[in-house]
Amino acid sequence: MHVFVTGGTGHIGSYIIPELIAAGHEVTGLARSDESAAVVAALGAKVLRGDISDLDGLKAAAAASDGVIHVAHRQDLLPSGGLDAVAAAELQIMLAYGEALAGTGKPLVVSGSIGSPGWENLGRPATEEDPALPGGDAYKGTLRVRNIVELTVVGLAERGVRSSIVRIPTIAHSTTDAGFLPLLIALAKEKGVVGYPGDGANRWPAVHSRDLASLFRLALEKGSAGKSWHGTEGEGIPFREIAEAIGKRLGLPVVSIPADVLMIPGYFGFLANLVTLDLPASSFITRQTLGWEPIQPGLLDDLDNGHYFPAS
């Protein structure tokens, strides 16, 4: 299969391209700069110079492929428009893919988020069958637009596209992770203690980036149209256990941060609204349907491996 991949130089995409090639697929990766083109080529893919802001270019690349994996985002819009602008641009990209792939039955696999659909009051781990919530008074701004993106992708199944969403957990960990875990570790070093919100019982799902890459491949190869898949190694890890694993490696005390000092200028600062989320999610349907099984180290084992804590 000839697969068009966006975001192939990012944390997740840089694992997806080698995963596809190892499985025998031909890959073309989008690259907006000479530096990105060199990375895509080094990963073994053909290079298509372009930008995800060029909707006509995306449509042409999608139409020329046998399938699309889209994990890129308009990060360039963050300074001026914030996350709302990024999500709104993403919606236009999905509509463009719909035009290019309508009636073809070709796969379109798009990255989503375990955290975006707004399941805070489910009272149980979310499943793949739980839809993103379209909006309402409780779900405004970025959350609402992000969910509309997911609903749009799933809805393309009605137009003859084998479209699906891979919902990515809050933490995707690996030796090349530059996301949330390094932020937590840096914060702990700065504060001299490792904090967790309240009793730390709120659960965060996680997955190794290599396992996540294999899920994208499986969704591309055999995922049904209009489905959502969950890339979680378990239902969720209590935040306190994550903090304790970091504290163990850093030799720092692990302490509860009361609600009244969570926010700026409190311990977590701008991360306060994020760290309090409770986001348990099951991947049972994904495993049963696609035959996906995480085989890489789990989050706590990966933290214990030491690569998140290089010697200074």
Protein backbone atom coordinates (compact mmCIF):
# COMPACT_ATOMS: atom_id res chain seq x y z
CA MET A 1 0.00 0.00 0.00
CA HIS A 2 1.22 3.50 -0.81
CA VAL A 3 0.60 5.59 2.31
CA PHE A 4 0.67 9.37 2.58
CA VAL A 5 1.76 10.48 6.07
CA THR A 6 1.64 13.96 7.58
CA GLY A 7 3.47 14.80 10.79
CA GLY A 8 6.09 12.18 10.02
CA THR A 9 8.88 14.13 11.75
CA GLY A 10 6.97 14.53 15.02
CA HIS A 11 7.17 12.33 18.09
CA ILE A 12 4.49 9.87 16.96
CA GLY A 13 4.98 10.19 13.22
CA SER A 14 8.67 9.36 13.45
CA TYR A 15 7.65 5.93 14.75
CA ILE A 16 4.75 5.49 12.33
CA ILE A 17 6.87 5.79 9.16
CA PRO A 18 9.36 3.02 10.12
CA GLU A 19 6.46 0.85 11.33
CA LEU A 20 4.74 1.12 7.95
CA ILE A 21 7.92 0.49 5.97
CA ALA A 22 8.80 -2.57 8.09
CA ALA A 23 5.35 -3.96 7.24
CA GLY A 24 6.04 -3.60 3.52
CA HIS A 25 4.23 -0.36 2.76
CA GLU A 26 5.56 2.43 0.57
CA VAL A 27 5.43 5.76 2.40
CA THR A 28 5.44 9.36 1.24
CA GLY A 29 5.94 11.89 4.02
CA LEU A 30 5.02 15.56 3.86
CA ALA A 31 7.89 17.94 4.68
CA ARG A 32 7.74 21.73 4.85
CA SER A 33 11.48 22.42 5.20
CA ASP A 34 14.85 21.06 4.13
CA GLU A 35 15.43 19.85 7.68
CA SER A 36 12.11 17.99 7.79
CA ALA A 37 12.74 16.53 4.33
CA ALA A 38 16.06 15.13 5.52
CA VAL A 39 14.37 13.50 8.52
CA VAL A 40 11.62 11.96 6.39
CA ALA A 41 14.18 10.59 3.95
CA ALA A 42 16.33 9.20 6.79
CA LEU A 43 13.28 7.33 8.08
CA GLY A 44 13.06 5.59 4.70
CA ALA A 45 10.13 7.44 3.12
CA LYS A 46 9.77 9.42 -0.08
CA VAL A 47 9.53 13.16 0.46
CA LEU A 48 6.74 15.42 -0.69
CA ARG A 49 7.61 19.06 -0.09
CA GLY A 50 4.58 21.00 1.06
CA ASP A 51 2.57 22.25 3.99
CA ILE A 52 -0.70 21.19 5.61
CA SER A 53 -1.98 24.73 5.08
CA ASP A 54 -2.11 23.91 1.34
CA LEU A 55 -5.45 22.12 1.13
CA ASP A 56 -5.22 21.55 -2.62
CA GLY A 57 -1.83 19.94 -2.13
CA LEU A 58 -3.22 17.65 0.59
CA LYS A 59 -6.12 16.63 -1.63
CA ALA A 60 -3.79 15.79 -4.50
CA ALA A 61 -1.47 13.75 -2.26
CA ALA A 62 -4.39 11.88 -0.71
CA ALA A 63 -5.92 11.11 -4.10
CA ALA A 64 -2.57 9.76 -5.36
CA SER A 65 -2.17 7.42 -2.37
CA ASP A 66 -3.80 4.17 -1.27
CA GLY A 67 -4.36 5.55 2.21
CA VAL A 68 -3.60 8.47 4.52
CA ILE A 69 -2.35 8.75 8.10
CA HIS A 70 -2.67 12.29 9.41
CA VAL A 71 -0.93 13.22 12.68
CA ALA A 72 0.15 16.78 11.84
CA HIS A 73 -1.30 19.95 13.36
CA ARG A 74 -1.13 23.65 12.48
CA GLN A 75 1.19 24.53 15.35
CA ASP A 76 2.08 27.73 13.53
CA LEU A 77 -1.36 29.08 14.49
CA LEU A 78 -0.77 28.76 18.23
CA PRO A 79 0.88 32.16 18.82
CA SER A 80 -1.88 34.14 17.12
CA GLY A 81 -5.02 32.05 17.53
CA GLY A 82 -4.32 29.49 20.23
CA LEU A 83 -5.69 25.95 20.29
CA ASP A 84 -9.05 27.06 18.91
CA ALA A 85 -7.40 28.18 15.68
CA VAL A 86 -5.40 24.94 15.43
CA ALA A 87 -8.55 22.84 15.80
CA ALA A 88 -10.53 24.98 13.35
CA ALA A 89 -7.79 24.58 10.73
CA GLU A 90 -7.80 20.84 11.38
CA LEU A 91 -11.50 20.73 10.54
CA GLN A 92 -10.86 22.27 7.12
CA ILE A 93 -8.13 19.70 6.48
CA MET A 94 -10.51 16.83 7.25
CA LEU A 95 -13.11 18.26 4.88
CA ALA A 96 -10.43 18.46 2.18
CA TYR A 97 -9.52 14.81 2.68
CA GLY A 98 -13.21 13.99 2.43
CA GLU A 99 -13.39 15.64 -0.99
CA ALA A 100 -10.31 13.78 -2.22
CA LEU A 101 -11.24 10.34 -0.91
CA ALA A 102 -15.05 10.29 -1.21
CA GLY A 103 -16.35 7.07 -2.72
CA THR A 104 -12.92 5.40 -2.88
CA GLY A 105 -13.09 3.20 0.21
CA LYS A 106 -9.50 4.23 0.95
CA PRO A 107 -8.41 4.42 4.61
CA LEU A 108 -7.96 7.74 6.39
CA VAL A 109 -6.56 7.42 9.92
CA VAL A 110 -6.43 10.59 11.99
CA SER A 111 -5.01 11.24 15.45
CA GLY A 112 -7.49 12.15 18.16
CA SER A 113 -7.27 12.49 21.92
CA ILE A 114 -8.48 10.41 24.84
CA GLY A 115 -8.86 13.70 26.69
CA SER A 116 -10.93 15.73 24.24
CA PRO A 117 -14.41 14.14 24.02
CA GLY A 118 -15.61 15.36 27.44
CA TRP A 119 -16.31 12.15 29.35
CA GLU A 120 -15.68 13.49 32.84
CA ASN A 121 -19.02 12.26 34.21
CA LEU A 122 -19.23 8.80 32.65
CA GLY A 123 -18.55 7.06 35.96
CA ARG A 124 -16.59 4.34 34.15
CA PRO A 125 -13.64 4.03 31.76
CA ALA A 126 -14.49 5.41 28.33
CA THR A 127 -14.70 2.93 25.47
CA GLU A 128 -14.20 3.18 21.75
CA GLU A 129 -17.97 3.28 21.31
CA ASP A 130 -18.34 6.48 23.34
CA PRO A 131 -18.69 9.33 20.85
CA ALA A 132 -17.06 12.69 21.15
CA LEU A 133 -19.55 15.15 22.61
CA PRO A 134 -20.49 17.74 19.99
CA GLY A 135 -20.76 20.75 22.29
CA GLY A 136 -23.03 22.58 24.67
CA ASP A 137 -22.61 24.86 27.66
CA ALA A 138 -20.13 22.54 29.35
CA TYR A 139 -17.97 21.97 26.27
CA LYS A 140 -16.91 25.22 24.66
CA GLY A 141 -13.96 26.51 22.69
CA THR A 142 -11.15 24.12 21.86
CA LEU A 143 -12.87 21.05 23.28
CA ARG A 144 -15.95 21.65 21.16
CA VAL A 145 -14.02 22.29 17.93
CA ARG A 146 -11.69 19.35 18.58
CA ASN A 147 -14.68 17.08 19.01
CA ILE A 148 -16.27 18.37 15.82
CA VAL A 149 -13.05 17.36 14.04
CA GLU A 150 -13.37 13.82 15.40
CA LEU A 151 -17.05 13.62 14.52
CA THR A 152 -16.28 14.88 11.02
CA VAL A 153 -13.64 12.21 10.45
CA VAL A 154 -15.94 9.45 11.64
CA GLY A 155 -18.75 10.88 9.51
CA LEU A 156 -16.68 10.58 6.33
CA ALA A 157 -17.54 6.88 6.42
CA GLU A 158 -20.94 7.88 5.04
CA ARG A 159 -19.15 9.34 2.01
CA GLY A 160 -17.31 6.14 1.17
CA VAL A 161 -14.09 6.83 3.08
CA ARG A 162 -12.71 4.14 5.41
CA SER A 163 -12.08 6.80 8.01
CA SER A 164 -11.18 6.25 11.65
CA ILE A 165 -9.75 8.00 14.68
CA VAL A 166 -6.90 6.78 16.88
CA ARG A 167 -7.44 8.41 20.26
CA ILE A 168 -4.04 9.06 21.82
CA PRO A 169 -3.71 9.12 25.62
CA THR A 170 -2.39 12.03 27.63
CA ILE A 171 1.07 10.46 27.80
CA ALA A 172 2.84 8.87 24.84
CA HIS A 173 6.24 7.87 26.19
CA SER A 174 9.50 6.85 24.52
CA THR A 175 13.19 7.67 24.42
CA THR A 176 12.40 10.66 22.17
CA ASP A 177 9.50 12.06 24.21
CA ALA A 178 9.58 15.84 24.48
CA GLY A 179 6.02 16.20 25.76
CA PHE A 180 4.27 16.16 29.11
CA LEU A 181 6.55 13.87 31.14
CA PRO A 182 9.67 16.02 30.56
CA LEU A 183 7.59 19.03 31.68
CA LEU A 184 6.66 17.29 34.92
CA ILE A 185 10.25 16.25 35.54
CA ALA A 186 11.57 19.75 34.87
CA LEU A 187 8.92 21.20 37.19
CA ALA A 188 9.91 18.80 39.97
CA LYS A 189 13.56 19.77 39.62
CA GLU A 190 12.63 23.45 39.77
CA LYS A 191 10.38 23.10 42.83
CA GLY A 192 12.48 20.56 44.71
CA VAL A 193 9.45 18.32 45.26
CA VAL A 194 7.28 16.16 43.01
CA GLY A 195 3.67 17.23 43.26
CA TYR A 196 0.38 15.52 42.53
CA PRO A 197 -3.11 17.09 42.70
CA GLY A 198 -5.22 16.34 45.77
CA ASP A 199 -5.13 12.65 46.62
CA GLY A 200 -3.57 11.83 43.25
CA ALA A 201 -6.20 9.20 42.48
CA ASN A 202 -7.12 10.71 39.12
CA ARG A 203 -6.12 8.32 36.35
CA TRP A 204 -4.04 9.08 33.30
CA PRO A 205 -3.86 6.61 30.39
CA ALA A 206 -0.53 6.14 28.67
CA VAL A 207 1.08 4.21 25.81
CA HIS A 208 4.55 3.67 24.38
CA SER A 209 4.99 5.52 21.09
CA ARG A 210 6.15 2.37 19.30
CA ASP A 211 2.99 0.55 20.33
CA LEU A 212 0.95 3.53 19.21
CA ALA A 213 2.63 3.40 15.79
CA SER A 214 1.60 -0.23 15.40
CA LEU A 215 -1.99 0.73 16.19
CA PHE A 216 -2.00 3.36 13.44
CA ARG A 217 -0.75 0.71 11.02
CA LEU A 218 -3.40 -1.80 12.05
CA ALA A 219 -6.14 0.82 11.77
CA LEU A 220 -4.90 1.63 8.27
CA GLU A 221 -4.68 -2.01 7.19
CA LYS A 222 -7.88 -3.44 8.59
CA GLY A 223 -9.85 -0.91 10.60
CA SER A 224 -13.52 -0.53 9.69
CA ALA A 225 -14.98 2.76 8.51
CA GLY A 226 -16.38 5.20 11.04
CA LYS A 227 -14.62 3.73 14.07
CA SER A 228 -12.60 5.11 16.94
CA TRP A 229 -9.67 3.19 18.42
CA HIS A 230 -8.00 3.61 21.81
CA GLY A 231 -4.22 3.46 22.10
CA THR A 232 -3.95 2.80 25.83
CA GLU A 233 -1.68 0.30 27.58
CA GLY A 234 -4.16 0.12 30.48
CA GLU A 235 -7.22 1.96 31.70
CA GLY A 236 -5.14 4.59 33.46
CA ILE A 237 -2.42 5.13 36.04
CA PRO A 238 -3.14 7.14 39.19
CA PHE A 239 -1.32 10.45 38.96
CA ARG A 240 0.22 9.85 42.37
CA GLU A 241 1.98 6.72 41.07
CA ILE A 242 3.46 8.71 38.19
CA ALA A 243 4.69 11.33 40.66
CA GLU A 244 6.16 8.63 42.92
CA ALA A 245 8.06 7.09 39.99
CA ILE A 246 9.54 10.50 39.15
CA GLY A 247 10.37 11.16 42.79
CA LYS A 248 12.15 7.82 43.07
CA ARG A 249 14.43 8.62 40.15
CA LEU A 250 15.12 12.20 41.24
CA GLY A 251 15.47 11.45 44.94
CA LEU A 252 12.86 14.11 45.75
CA PRO A 253 9.93 14.06 48.19
CA VAL A 254 6.48 13.44 46.68
CA VAL A 255 3.75 15.68 48.05
CA SER A 256 0.06 16.43 47.58
CA ILE A 257 -0.70 19.87 46.14
CA PRO A 258 -3.96 21.27 47.57
CA ALA A 259 -6.52 22.70 45.15
CA ASP A 260 -5.95 26.28 46.31
CA VAL A 261 -2.29 26.26 45.25
CA LEU A 262 -2.62 24.32 41.99
CA MET A 263 -3.06 27.34 39.75
CA ILE A 264 -0.72 30.17 38.74
CA PRO A 265 1.45 31.05 40.60
CA GLY A 266 1.01 27.73 42.37
CA TYR A 267 2.95 24.52 41.87
CA PHE A 268 1.56 23.42 38.49
CA GLY A 269 0.97 26.86 36.97
CA PHE A 270 -0.50 26.65 33.47
CA LEU A 271 -0.68 22.85 33.75
CA ALA A 272 -3.15 22.97 36.65
CA ASN A 273 -6.30 22.35 34.61
CA LEU A 274 -4.64 19.43 32.86
CA VAL A 275 -3.15 17.54 35.80
CA THR A 276 -6.49 17.31 37.64
CA LEU A 277 -8.24 15.44 34.81
CA ASP A 278 -9.43 11.90 35.44
CA LEU A 279 -9.40 10.14 32.05
CA PRO A 280 -9.71 6.35 32.42
CA ALA A 281 -10.21 4.64 29.07
CA SER A 282 -10.42 1.04 27.90
CA SER A 283 -8.76 -0.36 24.77
CA PHE A 284 -10.58 -3.72 24.93
CA ILE A 285 -12.50 -3.25 21.67
CA THR A 286 -9.36 -2.08 19.88
CA ARG A 287 -7.44 -5.14 21.00
CA GLN A 288 -10.23 -7.58 20.18
CA THR A 289 -11.01 -6.07 16.78
CA LEU A 290 -7.58 -5.18 15.42
CA GLY A 291 -5.46 -7.69 17.31
CA TRP A 292 -3.40 -4.87 18.78
CA GLU A 293 -1.35 -5.70 21.85
CA PRO A 294 1.16 -3.32 23.47
CA ILE A 295 4.54 -5.04 23.81
CA GLN A 296 6.80 -2.14 24.81
CA PRO A 297 7.57 -1.19 28.44
CA GLY A 298 4.69 0.39 30.31
CA LEU A 299 4.89 3.96 31.57
CA LEU A 300 6.16 3.19 35.09
CA ASP A 301 8.75 0.74 33.75
CA ASP A 302 9.84 3.28 31.15
CA LEU A 303 10.31 5.90 33.84
CA ASP A 304 12.44 3.39 35.73
CA ASN A 305 14.60 2.74 32.66
CA GLY A 306 16.36 6.04 33.27
CA HIS A 307 16.31 7.67 29.83
CA TYR A 308 14.01 10.41 31.15
CA PHE A 309 16.73 11.23 33.70
CA PRO A 310 20.05 11.67 31.88
CA ALA A 311 23.09 12.23 34.02
CA SER A 312 23.90 15.93 34.25
